[in-house]
Amino acid sequence: MTDKPLLAITIGDPSGIGPEVVTKALQVRSMYDILRPILIGTVNVVAKALNDIRSTDSVVGIGSPDDAKCEPGTIEVVSSGDWEGTVFPVGKHDARSGSASHLWVEEAAKMCMVGKVDGMVTAPVNKESWNMGGSKDTGHMEVFRRLSGSSYVATMLVSGQMRCMHLSTHKSLGEAVKYVTTENIMTAVRLTNEKFNEWGFGKPRIAVAALNPHASDNGLIGSEEADEIAPAVALAVSEGIDASGPHPADTVFNSASAGKYDVVVVMYHDQGHIPIKVYGVEESVTVNLGLPFLRTSVDHGTAFDIAGTGIASEISMIEALKLGASLASRKGLST
């Protein structure tokens, strides 16, 4: 028996760089010291990726996670659906690639929910290709929410000690502003505190970002800080949570990167994505909170322009695997 977590790794859109970054990451043999990897995709796509990166690893198909041996040098793939043998185009949108990658995400999530694996790590998919393939889901998170029945699923980005928990992600800016309510902020702060407790933070220091410039300058530039954000922070403090804010967004991330806060709760997509990608884009990882299973992911896209060239960086995938293994083992939130 082993205490190393078994992680399902989706290969992402087969027309993009997902298969390449996954196979490159598994060339780092130390990965096998901390986790047991199985891939969800097709044997032929993984074999092509291994050839593209000039790896001598072999690839075999297995029927289920129960059959996995997880030995360095042999990559094991659960081939879900009827896509084995399909030759996917490289470097462009394709309905078949969208359908296949969508199915692989669903299958990995189902493995998590029935306890076949300890968590999942995802390579990038392409939303346009998903749509071309007939999917109504706009991204991973929508799939997970639908399959699990989770009422609230949030996205946190991690790069080193910089961590941004998003109040909302895939909303227009206008809709995101409407979503800034005391109730929604409290849901995010409580979930953040709960998960960080699970990950080994006794009393996580949670900074709550302002929405408006200069945290509204006492109401001169908007009212959301006084009407919604500050009351949420006060309520969180009354519940024993170490929360503070609203902090001006042009200063809070510098403080977080210096170690003053464990996590920043941000009000919308770009408010959190920009500092993470400036701070350490190659090392950034996505973690979903609110799901009944563990999911980490690379924080980059399918990069069709360099697909099949062998030059894609595997750093984000390595970090996603390391973080997934750490969280699955309850060893903390450090990449």
C-alpha atoms as a PDB file:
ATOM      1  CA  MET A   1       0.000   0.000   0.000  1.00  0.00           C
ATOM      2  CA  THR A   2       1.081   3.610  -0.505  1.00  0.00           C
ATOM      3  CA  ASP A   3       0.034   6.909   0.959  1.00  0.00           C
ATOM      4  CA  LYS A   4       0.868   8.757  -2.257  1.00  0.00           C
ATOM      5  CA  PRO A   5      -2.378  10.177  -3.713  1.00  0.00           C
ATOM      6  CA  LEU A   6      -3.714   8.812  -6.981  1.00  0.00           C
ATOM      7  CA  LEU A   7      -4.454  11.759  -9.265  1.00  0.00           C
ATOM      8  CA  ALA A   8      -6.385  11.745 -12.535  1.00  0.00           C
ATOM      9  CA  ILE A   9      -4.734  14.077 -15.039  1.00  0.00           C
ATOM     10  CA  THR A  10      -6.805  15.193 -18.008  1.00  0.00           C
ATOM     11  CA  ILE A  11      -4.718  15.845 -21.119  1.00  0.00           C
ATOM     12  CA  GLY A  12      -6.832  18.834 -22.147  1.00  0.00           C
ATOM     13  CA  ASP A  13      -7.649  19.808 -25.717  1.00  0.00           C
ATOM     14  CA  PRO A  14      -5.748  17.340 -27.930  1.00  0.00           C
ATOM     15  CA  SER A  15      -5.257  20.082 -30.522  1.00  0.00           C
ATOM     16  CA  GLY A  16      -3.433  22.271 -27.993  1.00  0.00           C
ATOM     17  CA  ILE A  17      -0.392  22.023 -25.734  1.00  0.00           C
ATOM     18  CA  GLY A  18      -2.096  20.002 -22.984  1.00  0.00           C
ATOM     19  CA  PRO A  19      -0.740  16.567 -23.960  1.00  0.00           C
ATOM     20  CA  GLU A  20       2.744  18.045 -24.308  1.00  0.00           C
ATOM     21  CA  VAL A  21       2.881  19.768 -20.925  1.00  0.00           C
ATOM     22  CA  VAL A  22       1.443  16.700 -19.167  1.00  0.00           C
ATOM     23  CA  THR A  23       3.976  14.310 -20.662  1.00  0.00           C
ATOM     24  CA  LYS A  24       6.819  16.773 -20.075  1.00  0.00           C
ATOM     25  CA  ALA A  25       5.845  17.122 -16.421  1.00  0.00           C
ATOM     26  CA  LEU A  26       5.969  13.357 -15.977  1.00  0.00           C
ATOM     27  CA  GLN A  27       9.555  13.315 -17.243  1.00  0.00           C
ATOM     28  CA  VAL A  28      10.371  14.863 -13.857  1.00  0.00           C
ATOM     29  CA  ARG A  29      10.774  11.600 -11.984  1.00  0.00           C
ATOM     30  CA  SER A  30      10.403  13.250  -8.570  1.00  0.00           C
ATOM     31  CA  MET A  31       6.698  13.577  -9.397  1.00  0.00           C
ATOM     32  CA  TYR A  32       6.388   9.852  -8.747  1.00  0.00           C
ATOM     33  CA  ASP A  33       7.793  10.358  -5.245  1.00  0.00           C
ATOM     34  CA  ILE A  34       4.765  12.432  -4.223  1.00  0.00           C
ATOM     35  CA  LEU A  35       1.870  11.147  -6.357  1.00  0.00           C
ATOM     36  CA  ARG A  36       0.548   8.333  -8.531  1.00  0.00           C
ATOM     37  CA  PRO A  37      -0.499   9.705 -11.935  1.00  0.00           C
ATOM     38  CA  ILE A  38      -2.999   8.336 -14.426  1.00  0.00           C
ATOM     39  CA  LEU A  39      -3.955  10.221 -17.574  1.00  0.00           C
ATOM     40  CA  ILE A  40      -7.448  10.656 -18.987  1.00  0.00           C
ATOM     41  CA  GLY A  41      -7.350  10.941 -22.774  1.00  0.00           C
ATOM     42  CA  THR A  42      -6.248   8.565 -25.512  1.00  0.00           C
ATOM     43  CA  VAL A  43      -3.172   6.411 -25.882  1.00  0.00           C
ATOM     44  CA  ASN A  44      -2.499   7.658 -29.394  1.00  0.00           C
ATOM     45  CA  VAL A  45      -2.568  11.341 -28.423  1.00  0.00           C
ATOM     46  CA  VAL A  46      -0.223  10.719 -25.488  1.00  0.00           C
ATOM     47  CA  ALA A  47       2.078   8.639 -27.721  1.00  0.00           C
ATOM     48  CA  LYS A  48       2.258  11.497 -30.208  1.00  0.00           C
ATOM     49  CA  ALA A  49       3.083  13.949 -27.406  1.00  0.00           C
ATOM     50  CA  LEU A  50       5.865  11.675 -26.161  1.00  0.00           C
ATOM     51  CA  ASN A  51       7.242  11.537 -29.677  1.00  0.00           C
ATOM     52  CA  ASP A  52       7.044  15.331 -30.006  1.00  0.00           C
ATOM     53  CA  ILE A  53       9.162  15.787 -26.877  1.00  0.00           C
ATOM     54  CA  ARG A  54      11.487  12.915 -27.867  1.00  0.00           C
ATOM     55  CA  SER A  55      10.757  10.919 -24.738  1.00  0.00           C
ATOM     56  CA  THR A  56      11.528   7.214 -24.511  1.00  0.00           C
ATOM     57  CA  ASP A  57       8.657   6.618 -22.069  1.00  0.00           C
ATOM     58  CA  SER A  58       6.086   4.043 -23.095  1.00  0.00           C
ATOM     59  CA  VAL A  59       2.325   4.524 -22.922  1.00  0.00           C
ATOM     60  CA  VAL A  60      -0.302   1.884 -22.171  1.00  0.00           C
ATOM     61  CA  GLY A  61      -4.058   1.897 -21.867  1.00  0.00           C
ATOM     62  CA  ILE A  62      -5.737   0.751 -18.650  1.00  0.00           C
ATOM     63  CA  GLY A  63      -9.400   0.024 -18.011  1.00  0.00           C
ATOM     64  CA  SER A  64      -9.781   1.917 -14.746  1.00  0.00           C
ATOM     65  CA  PRO A  65      -7.769   3.611 -11.993  1.00  0.00           C
ATOM     66  CA  ASP A  66      -7.793   0.299 -10.112  1.00  0.00           C
ATOM     67  CA  ASP A  67      -5.464  -1.132 -12.766  1.00  0.00           C
ATOM     68  CA  ALA A  68      -2.804   1.556 -12.405  1.00  0.00           C
ATOM     69  CA  LYS A  69       0.757   0.651 -11.406  1.00  0.00           C
ATOM     70  CA  CYS A  70       2.114   4.213 -11.697  1.00  0.00           C
ATOM     71  CA  GLU A  71       5.729   3.385 -12.414  1.00  0.00           C
ATOM     72  CA  PRO A  72       8.170   5.955 -13.841  1.00  0.00           C
ATOM     73  CA  GLY A  73       8.800   5.425 -17.528  1.00  0.00           C
ATOM     74  CA  THR A  74       5.373   3.995 -18.298  1.00  0.00           C
ATOM     75  CA  ILE A  75       2.474   6.420 -18.679  1.00  0.00           C
ATOM     76  CA  GLU A  76      -0.953   4.890 -18.099  1.00  0.00           C
ATOM     77  CA  VAL A  77      -4.039   6.245 -19.834  1.00  0.00           C
ATOM     78  CA  VAL A  78      -7.723   5.637 -19.186  1.00  0.00           C
ATOM     79  CA  SER A  79      -9.228   6.089 -22.641  1.00  0.00           C
ATOM     80  CA  SER A  80     -12.830   7.209 -22.117  1.00  0.00           C
ATOM     81  CA  GLY A  81     -15.324   7.287 -24.952  1.00  0.00           C
ATOM     82  CA  ASP A  82     -14.763   6.245 -28.567  1.00  0.00           C
ATOM     83  CA  TRP A  83     -11.921   8.647 -29.329  1.00  0.00           C
ATOM     84  CA  GLU A  84      -9.054   6.151 -29.415  1.00  0.00           C
ATOM     85  CA  GLY A  85      -7.616   6.166 -32.934  1.00  0.00           C
ATOM     86  CA  THR A  86      -8.998   9.613 -33.779  1.00  0.00           C
ATOM     87  CA  VAL A  87      -6.415  11.862 -35.416  1.00  0.00           C
ATOM     88  CA  PHE A  88      -7.051  15.323 -34.000  1.00  0.00           C
ATOM     89  CA  PRO A  89      -5.834  18.415 -35.857  1.00  0.00           C
ATOM     90  CA  VAL A  90      -2.972  20.319 -34.280  1.00  0.00           C
ATOM     91  CA  GLY A  91      -3.084  23.990 -33.496  1.00  0.00           C
ATOM     92  CA  LYS A  92      -6.676  24.911 -34.287  1.00  0.00           C
ATOM     93  CA  HIS A  93     -10.241  24.789 -33.019  1.00  0.00           C
ATOM     94  CA  ASP A  94     -12.025  21.548 -33.727  1.00  0.00           C
ATOM     95  CA  ALA A  95     -15.385  20.093 -32.736  1.00  0.00           C
ATOM     96  CA  ARG A  96     -13.926  16.630 -32.156  1.00  0.00           C
ATOM     97  CA  SER A  97     -11.228  18.020 -29.879  1.00  0.00           C
ATOM     98  CA  GLY A  98     -13.872  19.949 -27.978  1.00  0.00           C
ATOM     99  CA  SER A  99     -16.138  16.927 -27.542  1.00  0.00           C
ATOM    100  CA  ALA A 100     -13.304  14.645 -26.489  1.00  0.00           C
ATOM    101  CA  SER A 101     -11.717  17.026 -23.997  1.00  0.00           C
ATOM    102  CA  HIS A 102     -15.128  17.795 -22.478  1.00  0.00           C
ATOM    103  CA  LEU A 103     -15.807  14.079 -21.983  1.00  0.00           C
ATOM    104  CA  TRP A 104     -12.389  13.535 -20.387  1.00  0.00           C
ATOM    105  CA  VAL A 105     -13.069  16.290 -17.851  1.00  0.00           C
ATOM    106  CA  GLU A 106     -16.430  14.756 -16.982  1.00  0.00           C
ATOM    107  CA  GLU A 107     -14.934  11.279 -16.605  1.00  0.00           C
ATOM    108  CA  ALA A 108     -12.162  12.494 -14.299  1.00  0.00           C
ATOM    109  CA  ALA A 109     -14.688  14.354 -12.147  1.00  0.00           C
ATOM    110  CA  LYS A 110     -16.841  11.237 -11.886  1.00  0.00           C
ATOM    111  CA  MET A 111     -13.794   9.225 -10.809  1.00  0.00           C
ATOM    112  CA  CYS A 112     -13.232  11.762  -8.054  1.00  0.00           C
ATOM    113  CA  MET A 113     -16.828  11.681  -6.879  1.00  0.00           C
ATOM    114  CA  VAL A 114     -16.948   7.896  -6.522  1.00  0.00           C
ATOM    115  CA  GLY A 115     -13.570   7.772  -4.790  1.00  0.00           C
ATOM    116  CA  LYS A 116     -11.635   6.031  -7.562  1.00  0.00           C
ATOM    117  CA  VAL A 117      -8.979   8.758  -7.394  1.00  0.00           C
ATOM    118  CA  ASP A 118      -7.900  11.242  -4.729  1.00  0.00           C
ATOM    119  CA  GLY A 119      -8.225  14.297  -6.943  1.00  0.00           C
ATOM    120  CA  MET A 120      -7.780  15.610 -10.450  1.00  0.00           C
ATOM    121  CA  VAL A 121      -5.366  17.907 -12.277  1.00  0.00           C
ATOM    122  CA  THR A 122      -6.466  19.490 -15.535  1.00  0.00           C
ATOM    123  CA  ALA A 123      -4.594  20.568 -18.643  1.00  0.00           C
ATOM    124  CA  PRO A 124      -6.123  23.440 -20.650  1.00  0.00           C
ATOM    125  CA  VAL A 125      -9.295  23.126 -22.704  1.00  0.00           C
ATOM    126  CA  ASN A 126     -10.687  25.519 -25.269  1.00  0.00           C
ATOM    127  CA  LYS A 127     -14.130  27.000 -24.677  1.00  0.00           C
ATOM    128  CA  GLU A 128     -14.743  27.707 -28.379  1.00  0.00           C
ATOM    129  CA  SER A 129     -13.941  24.108 -29.278  1.00  0.00           C
ATOM    130  CA  TRP A 130     -16.231  22.908 -26.492  1.00  0.00           C
ATOM    131  CA  ASN A 131     -19.004  24.979 -28.005  1.00  0.00           C
ATOM    132  CA  MET A 132     -18.258  23.622 -31.475  1.00  0.00           C
ATOM    133  CA  GLY A 133     -18.508  20.124 -30.027  1.00  0.00           C
ATOM    134  CA  GLY A 134     -21.951  20.802 -28.620  1.00  0.00           C
ATOM    135  CA  SER A 135     -21.136  21.542 -24.999  1.00  0.00           C
ATOM    136  CA  LYS A 136     -23.253  24.078 -23.117  1.00  0.00           C
ATOM    137  CA  ASP A 137     -20.644  24.376 -20.357  1.00  0.00           C
ATOM    138  CA  THR A 138     -18.461  27.471 -20.577  1.00  0.00           C
ATOM    139  CA  GLY A 139     -15.559  25.977 -18.633  1.00  0.00           C
ATOM    140  CA  HIS A 140     -14.323  23.406 -16.147  1.00  0.00           C
ATOM    141  CA  MET A 141     -16.088  24.993 -13.219  1.00  0.00           C
ATOM    142  CA  GLU A 142     -19.493  24.767 -14.844  1.00  0.00           C
ATOM    143  CA  VAL A 143     -18.946  21.046 -15.484  1.00  0.00           C
ATOM    144  CA  PHE A 144     -17.972  20.417 -11.892  1.00  0.00           C
ATOM    145  CA  ARG A 145     -20.868  22.404 -10.478  1.00  0.00           C
ATOM    146  CA  ARG A 146     -23.361  20.557 -12.683  1.00  0.00           C
ATOM    147  CA  LEU A 147     -22.019  17.079 -11.943  1.00  0.00           C
ATOM    148  CA  SER A 148     -21.557  17.573  -8.223  1.00  0.00           C
ATOM    149  CA  GLY A 149     -24.639  19.677  -7.543  1.00  0.00           C
ATOM    150  CA  SER A 150     -22.454  22.156  -5.666  1.00  0.00           C
ATOM    151  CA  SER A 151     -24.260  25.415  -5.038  1.00  0.00           C
ATOM    152  CA  TYR A 152     -21.118  27.536  -4.825  1.00  0.00           C
ATOM    153  CA  VAL A 153     -17.800  26.840  -6.540  1.00  0.00           C
ATOM    154  CA  ALA A 154     -15.033  29.417  -6.494  1.00  0.00           C
ATOM    155  CA  THR A 155     -11.644  29.779  -8.130  1.00  0.00           C
ATOM    156  CA  MET A 156      -8.409  30.526  -6.331  1.00  0.00           C
ATOM    157  CA  LEU A 157      -5.135  31.218  -8.128  1.00  0.00           C
ATOM    158  CA  VAL A 158      -1.859  30.361  -6.431  1.00  0.00           C
ATOM    159  CA  SER A 159       1.673  31.395  -7.329  1.00  0.00           C
ATOM    160  CA  GLY A 160       4.131  30.809  -4.529  1.00  0.00           C
ATOM    161  CA  GLN A 161       2.827  32.627  -1.488  1.00  0.00           C
ATOM    162  CA  MET A 162       0.527  34.872  -3.549  1.00  0.00           C
ATOM    163  CA  ARG A 163      -3.020  33.525  -3.402  1.00  0.00           C
ATOM    164  CA  CYS A 164      -6.144  35.155  -4.834  1.00  0.00           C
ATOM    165  CA  MET A 165      -9.589  33.777  -4.031  1.00  0.00           C
ATOM    166  CA  HIS A 166     -12.112  35.076  -6.580  1.00  0.00           C
ATOM    167  CA  LEU A 167     -15.569  36.237  -5.584  1.00  0.00           C
ATOM    168  CA  SER A 168     -16.550  35.732  -9.227  1.00  0.00           C
ATOM    169  CA  THR A 169     -14.759  34.748 -12.422  1.00  0.00           C
ATOM    170  CA  HIS A 170     -16.722  34.221 -15.632  1.00  0.00           C
ATOM    171  CA  LYS A 171     -19.021  37.220 -15.309  1.00  0.00           C
ATOM    172  CA  SER A 172     -19.009  40.401 -17.348  1.00  0.00           C
ATOM    173  CA  LEU A 173     -17.639  43.353 -15.432  1.00  0.00           C
ATOM    174  CA  GLY A 174     -21.140  44.784 -15.079  1.00  0.00           C
ATOM    175  CA  GLU A 175     -22.487  41.520 -13.667  1.00  0.00           C
ATOM    176  CA  ALA A 176     -19.441  41.108 -11.442  1.00  0.00           C
ATOM    177  CA  VAL A 177     -20.090  44.478  -9.806  1.00  0.00           C
ATOM    178  CA  LYS A 178     -23.687  43.454  -9.061  1.00  0.00           C
ATOM    179  CA  TYR A 179     -22.342  40.273  -7.458  1.00  0.00           C
ATOM    180  CA  VAL A 180     -20.428  42.266  -4.827  1.00  0.00           C
ATOM    181  CA  THR A 181     -22.843  41.828  -1.934  1.00  0.00           C
ATOM    182  CA  THR A 182     -22.310  41.241   1.756  1.00  0.00           C
ATOM    183  CA  GLU A 183     -23.895  37.806   1.480  1.00  0.00           C
ATOM    184  CA  ASN A 184     -21.727  36.707  -1.437  1.00  0.00           C
ATOM    185  CA  ILE A 185     -18.550  38.035   0.140  1.00  0.00           C
ATOM    186  CA  MET A 186     -19.322  36.211   3.375  1.00  0.00           C
ATOM    187  CA  THR A 187     -19.855  32.962   1.476  1.00  0.00           C
ATOM    188  CA  ALA A 188     -16.423  33.375  -0.123  1.00  0.00           C
ATOM    189  CA  VAL A 189     -14.678  34.384   3.106  1.00  0.00           C
ATOM    190  CA  ARG A 190     -16.190  31.522   5.116  1.00  0.00           C
ATOM    191  CA  LEU A 191     -15.253  28.983   2.461  1.00  0.00           C
ATOM    192  CA  THR A 192     -11.728  30.385   2.262  1.00  0.00           C
ATOM    193  CA  ASN A 193     -11.293  30.213   6.013  1.00  0.00           C
ATOM    194  CA  GLU A 194     -12.673  26.648   6.138  1.00  0.00           C
ATOM    195  CA  LYS A 195     -10.417  25.353   3.369  1.00  0.00           C
ATOM    196  CA  PHE A 196      -7.285  27.051   4.695  1.00  0.00           C
ATOM    197  CA  ASN A 197      -7.989  25.495   8.081  1.00  0.00           C
ATOM    198  CA  GLU A 198      -8.126  22.096   6.372  1.00  0.00           C
ATOM    199  CA  TRP A 199      -4.849  22.837   4.604  1.00  0.00           C
ATOM    200  CA  GLY A 200      -2.988  23.558   7.827  1.00  0.00           C
ATOM    201  CA  PHE A 201      -3.472  27.292   8.442  1.00  0.00           C
ATOM    202  CA  GLY A 202      -4.587  27.654  12.057  1.00  0.00           C
ATOM    203  CA  LYS A 203      -6.002  31.154  11.564  1.00  0.00           C
ATOM    204  CA  PRO A 204      -5.508  32.301   7.973  1.00  0.00           C
ATOM    205  CA  ARG A 205      -5.019  36.010   7.411  1.00  0.00           C
ATOM    206  CA  ILE A 206      -7.644  36.960   4.844  1.00  0.00           C
ATOM    207  CA  ALA A 207      -7.417  40.343   3.117  1.00  0.00           C
ATOM    208  CA  VAL A 208     -10.582  41.466   1.340  1.00  0.00           C
ATOM    209  CA  ALA A 209      -9.925  43.710  -1.653  1.00  0.00           C
ATOM    210  CA  ALA A 210     -11.930  46.831  -2.401  1.00  0.00           C
ATOM    211  CA  LEU A 211     -13.890  47.142  -5.627  1.00  0.00           C
ATOM    212  CA  ASN A 212     -13.408  50.821  -6.420  1.00  0.00           C
ATOM    213  CA  PRO A 213     -10.203  52.859  -6.779  1.00  0.00           C
ATOM    214  CA  HIS A 214      -8.679  53.875  -3.442  1.00  0.00           C
ATOM    215  CA  ALA A 215     -11.313  51.758  -1.640  1.00  0.00           C
ATOM    216  CA  SER A 216     -13.798  54.475  -2.740  1.00  0.00           C
ATOM    217  CA  ASP A 217     -12.066  57.338  -0.854  1.00  0.00           C
ATOM    218  CA  ASN A 218     -14.752  57.316   1.838  1.00  0.00           C
ATOM    219  CA  GLY A 219     -17.570  57.204  -0.668  1.00  0.00           C
ATOM    220  CA  LEU A 220     -16.257  59.687  -3.202  1.00  0.00           C
ATOM    221  CA  ILE A 221     -15.737  56.920  -5.788  1.00  0.00           C
ATOM    222  CA  GLY A 222     -18.559  54.466  -5.298  1.00  0.00           C
ATOM    223  CA  SER A 223     -20.477  53.035  -2.358  1.00  0.00           C
ATOM    224  CA  GLU A 224     -19.846  49.280  -2.501  1.00  0.00           C
ATOM    225  CA  GLU A 225     -17.085  49.451   0.102  1.00  0.00           C
ATOM    226  CA  ALA A 226     -19.325  51.008   2.753  1.00  0.00           C
ATOM    227  CA  ASP A 227     -22.534  49.250   1.747  1.00  0.00           C
ATOM    228  CA  GLU A 228     -21.346  45.698   1.085  1.00  0.00           C
ATOM    229  CA  ILE A 229     -17.659  44.953   1.650  1.00  0.00           C
ATOM    230  CA  ALA A 230     -16.991  46.558   5.034  1.00  0.00           C
ATOM    231  CA  PRO A 231     -20.107  44.975   6.607  1.00  0.00           C
ATOM    232  CA  ALA A 232     -18.956  41.570   5.351  1.00  0.00           C
ATOM    233  CA  VAL A 233     -15.519  42.056   6.882  1.00  0.00           C
ATOM    234  CA  ALA A 234     -17.049  43.119  10.187  1.00  0.00           C
ATOM    235  CA  LEU A 235     -19.325  40.089  10.201  1.00  0.00           C
ATOM    236  CA  ALA A 236     -16.405  37.782   9.438  1.00  0.00           C
ATOM    237  CA  VAL A 237     -14.416  39.239  12.318  1.00  0.00           C
ATOM    238  CA  SER A 238     -17.391  38.747  14.638  1.00  0.00           C
ATOM    239  CA  GLU A 239     -17.312  35.051  13.677  1.00  0.00           C
ATOM    240  CA  GLY A 240     -13.675  34.763  14.696  1.00  0.00           C
ATOM    241  CA  ILE A 241     -12.235  34.948  11.190  1.00  0.00           C
ATOM    242  CA  ASP A 242      -9.010  36.938  10.759  1.00  0.00           C
ATOM    243  CA  ALA A 243     -10.341  39.122   7.949  1.00  0.00           C
ATOM    244  CA  SER A 244      -9.470  42.721   7.131  1.00  0.00           C
ATOM    245  CA  GLY A 245     -10.397  45.288   4.520  1.00  0.00           C
ATOM    246  CA  PRO A 246     -11.606  46.570   2.205  1.00  0.00           C
ATOM    247  CA  HIS A 247      -8.033  47.111   1.049  1.00  0.00           C
ATOM    248  CA  PRO A 248      -7.246  49.232  -2.030  1.00  0.00           C
ATOM    249  CA  ALA A 249      -6.434  46.865  -4.860  1.00  0.00           C
ATOM    250  CA  ASP A 250      -3.378  48.858  -5.918  1.00  0.00           C
ATOM    251  CA  THR A 251      -1.588  48.097  -2.634  1.00  0.00           C
ATOM    252  CA  VAL A 252      -2.997  44.868  -1.168  1.00  0.00           C
ATOM    253  CA  PHE A 253      -1.175  42.517  -3.541  1.00  0.00           C
ATOM    254  CA  ASN A 254       2.201  44.022  -2.737  1.00  0.00           C
ATOM    255  CA  SER A 255       1.453  43.382   0.936  1.00  0.00           C
ATOM    256  CA  ALA A 256       0.337  39.827   0.177  1.00  0.00           C
ATOM    257  CA  SER A 257       3.473  39.066  -1.817  1.00  0.00           C
ATOM    258  CA  ALA A 258       5.511  40.309   1.153  1.00  0.00           C
ATOM    259  CA  GLY A 259       3.787  37.747   3.388  1.00  0.00           C
ATOM    260  CA  LYS A 260       1.430  40.036   5.299  1.00  0.00           C
ATOM    261  CA  TYR A 261      -1.660  38.055   4.237  1.00  0.00           C
ATOM    262  CA  ASP A 262      -2.213  34.381   3.452  1.00  0.00           C
ATOM    263  CA  VAL A 263      -4.842  35.070   0.809  1.00  0.00           C
ATOM    264  CA  VAL A 264      -6.640  37.976  -0.854  1.00  0.00           C
ATOM    265  CA  VAL A 265     -10.349  37.698  -1.619  1.00  0.00           C
ATOM    266  CA  VAL A 266     -10.740  39.624  -4.877  1.00  0.00           C
ATOM    267  CA  MET A 267     -13.963  41.028  -6.304  1.00  0.00           C
ATOM    268  CA  TYR A 268     -13.752  39.936  -9.958  1.00  0.00           C
ATOM    269  CA  HIS A 269     -11.743  37.972 -12.514  1.00  0.00           C
ATOM    270  CA  ASP A 270      -9.074  40.421 -13.651  1.00  0.00           C
ATOM    271  CA  GLN A 271      -8.527  41.874 -10.189  1.00  0.00           C
ATOM    272  CA  GLY A 272      -7.056  38.530  -9.143  1.00  0.00           C
ATOM    273  CA  HIS A 273      -5.668  37.192 -12.402  1.00  0.00           C
ATOM    274  CA  ILE A 274      -3.516  40.223 -13.220  1.00  0.00           C
ATOM    275  CA  PRO A 275      -1.424  40.272 -10.006  1.00  0.00           C
ATOM    276  CA  ILE A 276      -0.959  36.499 -10.080  1.00  0.00           C
ATOM    277  CA  LYS A 277       0.244  36.564 -13.671  1.00  0.00           C
ATOM    278  CA  VAL A 278       2.567  39.487 -13.013  1.00  0.00           C
ATOM    279  CA  TYR A 279       3.872  37.929  -9.806  1.00  0.00           C
ATOM    280  CA  GLY A 280       4.596  34.506 -11.318  1.00  0.00           C
ATOM    281  CA  VAL A 281       2.664  33.507 -14.421  1.00  0.00           C
ATOM    282  CA  GLU A 282       4.589  30.320 -15.211  1.00  0.00           C
ATOM    283  CA  GLU A 283       4.194  28.974 -11.669  1.00  0.00           C
ATOM    284  CA  SER A 284       0.529  29.919 -11.269  1.00  0.00           C
ATOM    285  CA  VAL A 285      -2.008  27.204 -10.484  1.00  0.00           C
ATOM    286  CA  THR A 286      -5.799  27.162 -10.222  1.00  0.00           C
ATOM    287  CA  VAL A 287      -7.576  25.531  -7.269  1.00  0.00           C
ATOM    288  CA  ASN A 288     -11.346  25.163  -7.035  1.00  0.00           C
ATOM    289  CA  LEU A 289     -13.032  25.632  -3.660  1.00  0.00           C
ATOM    290  CA  GLY A 290     -16.535  24.417  -2.863  1.00  0.00           C
ATOM    291  CA  LEU A 291     -16.364  21.106  -4.709  1.00  0.00           C
ATOM    292  CA  PRO A 292     -16.698  17.710  -3.003  1.00  0.00           C
ATOM    293  CA  PHE A 293     -13.352  16.754  -4.545  1.00  0.00           C
ATOM    294  CA  LEU A 294      -9.915  18.212  -5.189  1.00  0.00           C
ATOM    295  CA  ARG A 295      -9.084  19.889  -8.475  1.00  0.00           C
ATOM    296  CA  THR A 296      -5.994  21.856  -9.430  1.00  0.00           C
ATOM    297  CA  SER A 297      -5.131  23.123 -12.887  1.00  0.00           C
ATOM    298  CA  VAL A 298      -2.593  24.904 -14.996  1.00  0.00           C
ATOM    299  CA  ASP A 299      -3.314  28.594 -15.334  1.00  0.00           C
ATOM    300  CA  HIS A 300      -2.799  28.963 -19.071  1.00  0.00           C
ATOM    301  CA  GLY A 301      -4.625  28.228 -22.285  1.00  0.00           C
ATOM    302  CA  THR A 302      -4.326  25.791 -25.169  1.00  0.00           C
ATOM    303  CA  ALA A 303      -1.715  27.916 -27.009  1.00  0.00           C
ATOM    304  CA  PHE A 304      -2.638  26.649 -30.468  1.00  0.00           C
ATOM    305  CA  ASP A 305       0.127  28.779 -31.981  1.00  0.00           C
ATOM    306  CA  ILE A 306       2.864  26.573 -30.488  1.00  0.00           C
ATOM    307  CA  ALA A 307       1.004  23.245 -30.272  1.00  0.00           C
ATOM    308  CA  GLY A 308       2.997  20.310 -31.597  1.00  0.00           C
ATOM    309  CA  THR A 309       6.295  22.186 -31.598  1.00  0.00           C
ATOM    310  CA  GLY A 310       7.670  20.758 -28.363  1.00  0.00           C
ATOM    311  CA  ILE A 311       8.471  24.201 -26.909  1.00  0.00           C
ATOM    312  CA  ALA A 312       5.570  24.629 -24.443  1.00  0.00           C
ATOM    313  CA  SER A 313       6.586  25.153 -20.822  1.00  0.00           C
ATOM    314  CA  GLU A 314       5.558  22.452 -18.361  1.00  0.00           C
ATOM    315  CA  ILE A 315       6.245  24.559 -15.262  1.00  0.00           C
ATOM    316  CA  SER A 316       2.597  25.357 -14.475  1.00  0.00           C
ATOM    317  CA  MET A 317       1.639  21.680 -14.854  1.00  0.00           C
ATOM    318  CA  ILE A 318       4.460  20.641 -12.534  1.00  0.00           C
ATOM    319  CA  GLU A 319       3.241  23.155  -9.970  1.00  0.00           C
ATOM    320  CA  ALA A 320      -0.369  21.979 -10.386  1.00  0.00           C
ATOM    321  CA  LEU A 321       0.713  18.388  -9.792  1.00  0.00           C
ATOM    322  CA  LYS A 322       2.793  19.307  -6.763  1.00  0.00           C
ATOM    323  CA  LEU A 323      -0.003  21.369  -5.263  1.00  0.00           C
ATOM    324  CA  GLY A 324      -2.566  18.662  -5.990  1.00  0.00           C
ATOM    325  CA  ALA A 325      -0.390  16.072  -4.298  1.00  0.00           C
ATOM    326  CA  SER A 326       0.195  18.329  -1.309  1.00  0.00           C
ATOM    327  CA  LEU A 327      -3.484  19.123  -0.805  1.00  0.00           C
ATOM    328  CA  ALA A 328      -4.590  15.530  -1.353  1.00  0.00           C
ATOM    329  CA  SER A 329      -2.079  14.489   1.291  1.00  0.00           C
ATOM    330  CA  ARG A 330      -3.272  17.284   3.621  1.00  0.00           C
ATOM    331  CA  LYS A 331       0.255  18.674   3.727  1.00  0.00           C
ATOM    332  CA  GLY A 332      -0.572  22.306   3.154  1.00  0.00           C
ATOM    333  CA  LEU A 333      -0.895  24.946   0.436  1.00  0.00           C
ATOM    334  CA  SER A 334       2.660  25.321  -0.759  1.00  0.00           C
ATOM    335  CA  THR A 335       3.827  24.788  -4.310  1.00  0.00           C
END
